Amino acid sequence: MDIELRHLRYFLAVADELHFGRAAERLGMSQPPLSQQIRQLEQLVGARLFTRSNRRVALTEAGEAFLEETRAILARVERAIDLAQRAQRGETGELRIGFTRATPLSGYIPNAIHAFRQRLPGVQLLLEEMNSLRQIDALLERRLQVGILRGRKLPEALVSRRLFRDPLLAVMRADHPLLKGAGARRKLHTEALAREPFVLFARSAGTGIHDHVIALCNDAGFMPRVAQEAREASTIIGLVAAGMGVSILPATCSHIQVDGVRFVPLADPLAISEVHVAHRRDEHSPLVAQFVQLLLKSAH
């Protein structure tokens, strides 16, 4: 027979009380079986743990040594049980999250991350910036558990929910002729930009905005003349300020302030980008469920 946890719990109760009757009462059992279990434990240990007399019970030297280790063992068992239960509830572990460059510029996402960290401080959040296409690949390969990306058609293995709509805005120099007079106080129609050179996200940047802008311009009846491409929103805005052309960017990028640049609302119904939260369809982690729930709550 091996020593079992019950033996250790019985021993600890007697060591704490130094009285078999009180220890038995604390354990919810009668005294004779408790005495039998302690004798059995002493046989398994191969040492006498208590001295007993009619007047008192005391720990032997071997019992004192055994007590210290017993407390440590039971504490570790309790901690292991607690960790397992917390993991089952989604309160421990790590969560791997991808996000696009402009995502942190929206208040919804940082607020949700802050709330998650406050609620579950034992969970390590591993955040990685990557474009939407790379996030999709990482989700499929299970290198990410959650992706925050621009809305697009996803593979069947993934599922997404819309977090918020992100209007597309024209980005122009503040002294652009279209912004003079009445134009300074109204929305622009995309067709008004038909003769302008464009500074766009490179398609290889994987944001999805490049193709969205091309589709928006085609719907307005023209193919944009691309004068320059870039991979960063801040670079695009800087090039607009330098007079290289106009651009169309999500409203979240308007937080990037550059002197001499205006962000102008577009009147076209298609001038809306969507930010989605995505994960694998077969994802069962309670951490993912809780994080997605907080994101959706923060965004609505």
Foldseek 3Di string as FASTA:
>chain_A
DADDLVLLLLLLLCQVVQDQCVSCVVVVHHRPVSVVSPVVVCVNVVHRQWDDDPVTIHGDPVVVVVNVVSVVVVVVVVVVVVVVVCQVLQQAEEAEEEEEPLVVLDPLVVVLVVVLCVVRVRYHYHYDYAAPVVVLVCQVVVVHFKYKAWDDDHPPQKDKDFLDKWFKWKKAFCPDPCCPDPSVPDAAALLVQQPKAEEEADVVLRRCVRVLVQVSVVVSPHGHHHQYHDNDLLVRNVVNNVVSTMYIDTPSSVVNDDPRMDTGGHPDPSRIITIIMMHGPPDDRSNSVSSVVSSNVSRD
